[in-house]
Amino acid sequence: MQRIFKDRNHKKVDIVAVEQVSQCRFEDWRMHSLNLSASNWHRLSDHAQLGEISPFKPEHWPYWFIEYFIECVRKFDYSNISHDTNYITFDDLGYSELEEKLTQDNILLFIFLGLLVASTAAVLLFRYDVIP
């Protein structure tokens, strides 16, 4: 757990639950994120909607909701989530997970820079009559 606190990618960490693990109960122990968009929330929770509780501000969650959320995450069936066609959903800000992934990987930046270089080369070639 100390590795999480030392990792500079985790700026503000609050531990809400700790328990001793006697044996591995699942294969993947890496840290994951869970998309709490409205479409995924109804699969995770018995509540119909988040209502006034913002998934983007867990520091403002009431204590009862933190316990409820942890229990929902423990019970959730993650086995089909990578094969689920509905998993690429729009979050409350309007960005799909696919758009977020492309943006994070800077693919859109490289596409833009490639188009910029190609159009600049074409303009120069036409301007100096290299291409009639």
C-alpha atoms as a PDB file:
ATOM      1  CA  MET A   1       0.000   0.000   0.000  1.00  0.00           C
ATOM      2  CA  GLN A   2       2.929   2.334   0.586  1.00  0.00           C
ATOM      3  CA  ARG A   3       3.714   2.136  -3.147  1.00  0.00           C
ATOM      4  CA  ILE A   4       0.444   3.926  -3.876  1.00  0.00           C
ATOM      5  CA  PHE A   5       1.370   6.798  -1.565  1.00  0.00           C
ATOM      6  CA  LYS A   6       4.857   7.059  -3.081  1.00  0.00           C
ATOM      7  CA  ASP A   7       3.579   7.021  -6.667  1.00  0.00           C
ATOM      8  CA  ARG A   8       3.456  10.615  -7.956  1.00  0.00           C
ATOM      9  CA  ASN A   9       0.518   9.696 -10.233  1.00  0.00           C
ATOM     10  CA  HIS A  10      -1.641   9.406  -7.123  1.00  0.00           C
ATOM     11  CA  LYS A  11      -1.766  12.938  -5.742  1.00  0.00           C
ATOM     12  CA  LYS A  12      -4.539  12.667  -3.193  1.00  0.00           C
ATOM     13  CA  VAL A  13      -5.229   9.227  -1.761  1.00  0.00           C
ATOM     14  CA  ASP A  14      -7.720   8.371   0.953  1.00  0.00           C
ATOM     15  CA  ILE A  15      -7.882   4.758   2.117  1.00  0.00           C
ATOM     16  CA  VAL A  16     -11.495   3.871   2.865  1.00  0.00           C
ATOM     17  CA  ALA A  17     -11.120   0.123   3.447  1.00  0.00           C
ATOM     18  CA  VAL A  18      -8.262  -2.246   4.227  1.00  0.00           C
ATOM     19  CA  GLU A  19      -8.478  -5.953   4.838  1.00  0.00           C
ATOM     20  CA  GLN A  20      -6.024  -8.833   5.052  1.00  0.00           C
ATOM     21  CA  VAL A  21      -6.065 -11.089   1.985  1.00  0.00           C
ATOM     22  CA  SER A  22      -5.395 -14.744   2.718  1.00  0.00           C
ATOM     23  CA  GLN A  23      -5.415 -15.929  -0.894  1.00  0.00           C
ATOM     24  CA  CYS A  24      -5.804 -14.537  -4.397  1.00  0.00           C
ATOM     25  CA  ARG A  25      -9.423 -14.565  -5.439  1.00  0.00           C
ATOM     26  CA  PHE A  26      -8.854 -13.076  -8.876  1.00  0.00           C
ATOM     27  CA  GLU A  27      -6.095 -13.019 -11.464  1.00  0.00           C
ATOM     28  CA  ASP A  28      -5.401  -9.337 -12.013  1.00  0.00           C
ATOM     29  CA  TRP A  29      -4.159  -7.314  -9.028  1.00  0.00           C
ATOM     30  CA  ARG A  30      -3.351  -4.177 -11.015  1.00  0.00           C
ATOM     31  CA  MET A  31      -5.156  -0.951 -10.196  1.00  0.00           C
ATOM     32  CA  HIS A  32      -8.098  -0.250 -12.507  1.00  0.00           C
ATOM     33  CA  SER A  33     -10.498   2.577 -13.050  1.00  0.00           C
ATOM     34  CA  LEU A  34     -14.229   2.145 -13.319  1.00  0.00           C
ATOM     35  CA  ASN A  35     -16.281   4.332 -15.620  1.00  0.00           C
ATOM     36  CA  LEU A  36     -19.160   5.662 -13.518  1.00  0.00           C
ATOM     37  CA  SER A  37     -21.219   6.968 -16.407  1.00  0.00           C
ATOM     38  CA  ALA A  38     -24.978   6.726 -16.018  1.00  0.00           C
ATOM     39  CA  SER A  39     -25.146   3.720 -18.354  1.00  0.00           C
ATOM     40  CA  ASN A  40     -22.582   1.787 -16.321  1.00  0.00           C
ATOM     41  CA  TRP A  41     -23.942   2.904 -12.965  1.00  0.00           C
ATOM     42  CA  HIS A  42     -27.194   0.980 -13.342  1.00  0.00           C
ATOM     43  CA  ARG A  43     -25.214  -2.234 -13.962  1.00  0.00           C
ATOM     44  CA  LEU A  44     -23.055  -1.639 -10.898  1.00  0.00           C
ATOM     45  CA  SER A  45     -25.668  -0.485  -8.427  1.00  0.00           C
ATOM     46  CA  ASP A  46     -29.185  -1.255  -7.289  1.00  0.00           C
ATOM     47  CA  HIS A  47     -29.885   2.476  -7.316  1.00  0.00           C
ATOM     48  CA  ALA A  48     -31.550   3.633 -10.517  1.00  0.00           C
ATOM     49  CA  GLN A  49     -29.299   6.681 -10.791  1.00  0.00           C
ATOM     50  CA  LEU A  50     -26.569   8.560  -8.998  1.00  0.00           C
ATOM     51  CA  GLY A  51     -28.863  11.491  -8.335  1.00  0.00           C
ATOM     52  CA  GLU A  52     -27.124  14.220  -6.378  1.00  0.00           C
ATOM     53  CA  ILE A  53     -23.999  12.157  -5.699  1.00  0.00           C
ATOM     54  CA  SER A  54     -21.307  13.091  -8.190  1.00  0.00           C
ATOM     55  CA  PRO A  55     -19.042  10.229  -9.290  1.00  0.00           C
ATOM     56  CA  PHE A  56     -16.349  12.806 -10.037  1.00  0.00           C
ATOM     57  CA  LYS A  57     -16.159  14.123  -6.452  1.00  0.00           C
ATOM     58  CA  PRO A  58     -15.803  11.127  -4.138  1.00  0.00           C
ATOM     59  CA  GLU A  59     -14.435  13.369  -1.395  1.00  0.00           C
ATOM     60  CA  HIS A  60     -18.001  14.730  -1.047  1.00  0.00           C
ATOM     61  CA  TRP A  61     -19.680  11.322  -0.871  1.00  0.00           C
ATOM     62  CA  PRO A  62     -21.592  10.606   2.342  1.00  0.00           C
ATOM     63  CA  TYR A  63     -20.115   7.844   4.495  1.00  0.00           C
ATOM     64  CA  TRP A  64     -23.056   5.485   3.895  1.00  0.00           C
ATOM     65  CA  PHE A  65     -22.524   5.820   0.140  1.00  0.00           C
ATOM     66  CA  ILE A  66     -18.813   4.982   0.374  1.00  0.00           C
ATOM     67  CA  GLU A  67     -19.682   1.733   2.151  1.00  0.00           C
ATOM     68  CA  TYR A  68     -22.449   1.033  -0.361  1.00  0.00           C
ATOM     69  CA  PHE A  69     -20.144   1.768  -3.304  1.00  0.00           C
ATOM     70  CA  ILE A  70     -17.392  -0.532  -1.991  1.00  0.00           C
ATOM     71  CA  GLU A  71     -19.916  -3.331  -1.573  1.00  0.00           C
ATOM     72  CA  CYS A  72     -21.208  -2.783  -5.139  1.00  0.00           C
ATOM     73  CA  VAL A  73     -17.685  -2.915  -6.550  1.00  0.00           C
ATOM     74  CA  ARG A  74     -16.986  -6.139  -4.648  1.00  0.00           C
ATOM     75  CA  LYS A  75     -20.131  -7.815  -6.004  1.00  0.00           C
ATOM     76  CA  PHE A  76     -19.767  -6.561  -9.593  1.00  0.00           C
ATOM     77  CA  ASP A  77     -19.091  -9.199 -12.265  1.00  0.00           C
ATOM     78  CA  TYR A  78     -16.058  -7.966 -14.191  1.00  0.00           C
ATOM     79  CA  SER A  79     -15.667 -11.140 -16.267  1.00  0.00           C
ATOM     80  CA  ASN A  80     -17.524  -9.828 -19.327  1.00  0.00           C
ATOM     81  CA  ILE A  81     -16.579  -6.177 -19.143  1.00  0.00           C
ATOM     82  CA  SER A  82     -13.839  -6.331 -21.796  1.00  0.00           C
ATOM     83  CA  HIS A  83     -16.149  -8.136 -24.225  1.00  0.00           C
ATOM     84  CA  ASP A  84     -19.129  -5.906 -23.540  1.00  0.00           C
ATOM     85  CA  THR A  85     -20.000  -3.855 -26.631  1.00  0.00           C
ATOM     86  CA  ASN A  86     -21.784  -1.263 -24.500  1.00  0.00           C
ATOM     87  CA  TYR A  87     -18.711  -0.580 -22.384  1.00  0.00           C
ATOM     88  CA  ILE A  88     -17.609   2.316 -24.618  1.00  0.00           C
ATOM     89  CA  THR A  89     -20.139   4.762 -23.262  1.00  0.00           C
ATOM     90  CA  PHE A  90     -20.402   8.501 -22.919  1.00  0.00           C
ATOM     91  CA  ASP A  91     -19.623   9.842 -19.485  1.00  0.00           C
ATOM     92  CA  ASP A  92     -21.369  12.801 -17.861  1.00  0.00           C
ATOM     93  CA  LEU A  93     -18.994  15.226 -19.601  1.00  0.00           C
ATOM     94  CA  GLY A  94     -19.896  13.904 -23.054  1.00  0.00           C
ATOM     95  CA  TYR A  95     -16.639  12.143 -23.950  1.00  0.00           C
ATOM     96  CA  SER A  96     -16.633   8.492 -24.845  1.00  0.00           C
ATOM     97  CA  GLU A  97     -13.992   6.217 -23.379  1.00  0.00           C
ATOM     98  CA  LEU A  98     -12.652   5.729 -26.890  1.00  0.00           C
ATOM     99  CA  GLU A  99     -12.195   9.496 -27.333  1.00  0.00           C
ATOM    100  CA  GLU A 100     -10.515   9.720 -23.941  1.00  0.00           C
ATOM    101  CA  LYS A 101      -8.168   6.854 -24.842  1.00  0.00           C
ATOM    102  CA  LEU A 102      -7.253   8.461 -28.179  1.00  0.00           C
ATOM    103  CA  THR A 103      -6.625  11.782 -26.481  1.00  0.00           C
ATOM    104  CA  GLN A 104      -4.539  10.212 -23.738  1.00  0.00           C
ATOM    105  CA  ASP A 105      -2.387   8.397 -26.268  1.00  0.00           C
ATOM    106  CA  ASN A 106      -1.845  11.634 -28.233  1.00  0.00           C
ATOM    107  CA  ILE A 107      -3.050   9.970 -31.428  1.00  0.00           C
ATOM    108  CA  LEU A 108      -5.161  12.993 -32.300  1.00  0.00           C
ATOM    109  CA  LEU A 109      -2.115  15.235 -31.878  1.00  0.00           C
ATOM    110  CA  PHE A 110      -0.049  13.083 -34.225  1.00  0.00           C
ATOM    111  CA  ILE A 111      -2.846  13.034 -36.816  1.00  0.00           C
ATOM    112  CA  PHE A 112      -3.121  16.827 -36.619  1.00  0.00           C
ATOM    113  CA  LEU A 113       0.652  17.300 -36.919  1.00  0.00           C
ATOM    114  CA  GLY A 114       0.779  14.903 -39.884  1.00  0.00           C
ATOM    115  CA  LEU A 115      -1.961  16.802 -41.694  1.00  0.00           C
ATOM    116  CA  LEU A 116      -0.243  20.106 -40.924  1.00  0.00           C
ATOM    117  CA  VAL A 117       3.090  18.921 -42.352  1.00  0.00           C
ATOM    118  CA  ALA A 118       1.434  17.407 -45.443  1.00  0.00           C
ATOM    119  CA  SER A 119      -0.604  20.532 -46.191  1.00  0.00           C
ATOM    120  CA  THR A 120       2.441  22.789 -45.664  1.00  0.00           C
ATOM    121  CA  ALA A 121       4.478  20.652 -48.063  1.00  0.00           C
ATOM    122  CA  ALA A 122       1.677  20.758 -50.656  1.00  0.00           C
ATOM    123  CA  VAL A 123       1.383  24.561 -50.405  1.00  0.00           C
ATOM    124  CA  LEU A 124       5.153  24.989 -50.824  1.00  0.00           C
ATOM    125  CA  LEU A 125       5.262  22.607 -53.784  1.00  0.00           C
ATOM    126  CA  PHE A 126       2.461  24.503 -55.552  1.00  0.00           C
ATOM    127  CA  ARG A 127       3.841  27.937 -54.647  1.00  0.00           C
ATOM    128  CA  TYR A 128       7.289  27.297 -56.103  1.00  0.00           C
ATOM    129  CA  ASP A 129       5.877  25.563 -59.204  1.00  0.00           C
ATOM    130  CA  VAL A 130       7.387  22.205 -58.340  1.00  0.00           C
ATOM    131  CA  ILE A 131       3.968  20.763 -59.131  1.00  0.00           C
ATOM    132  CA  PRO A 132       2.451  22.477 -62.208  1.00  0.00           C
END
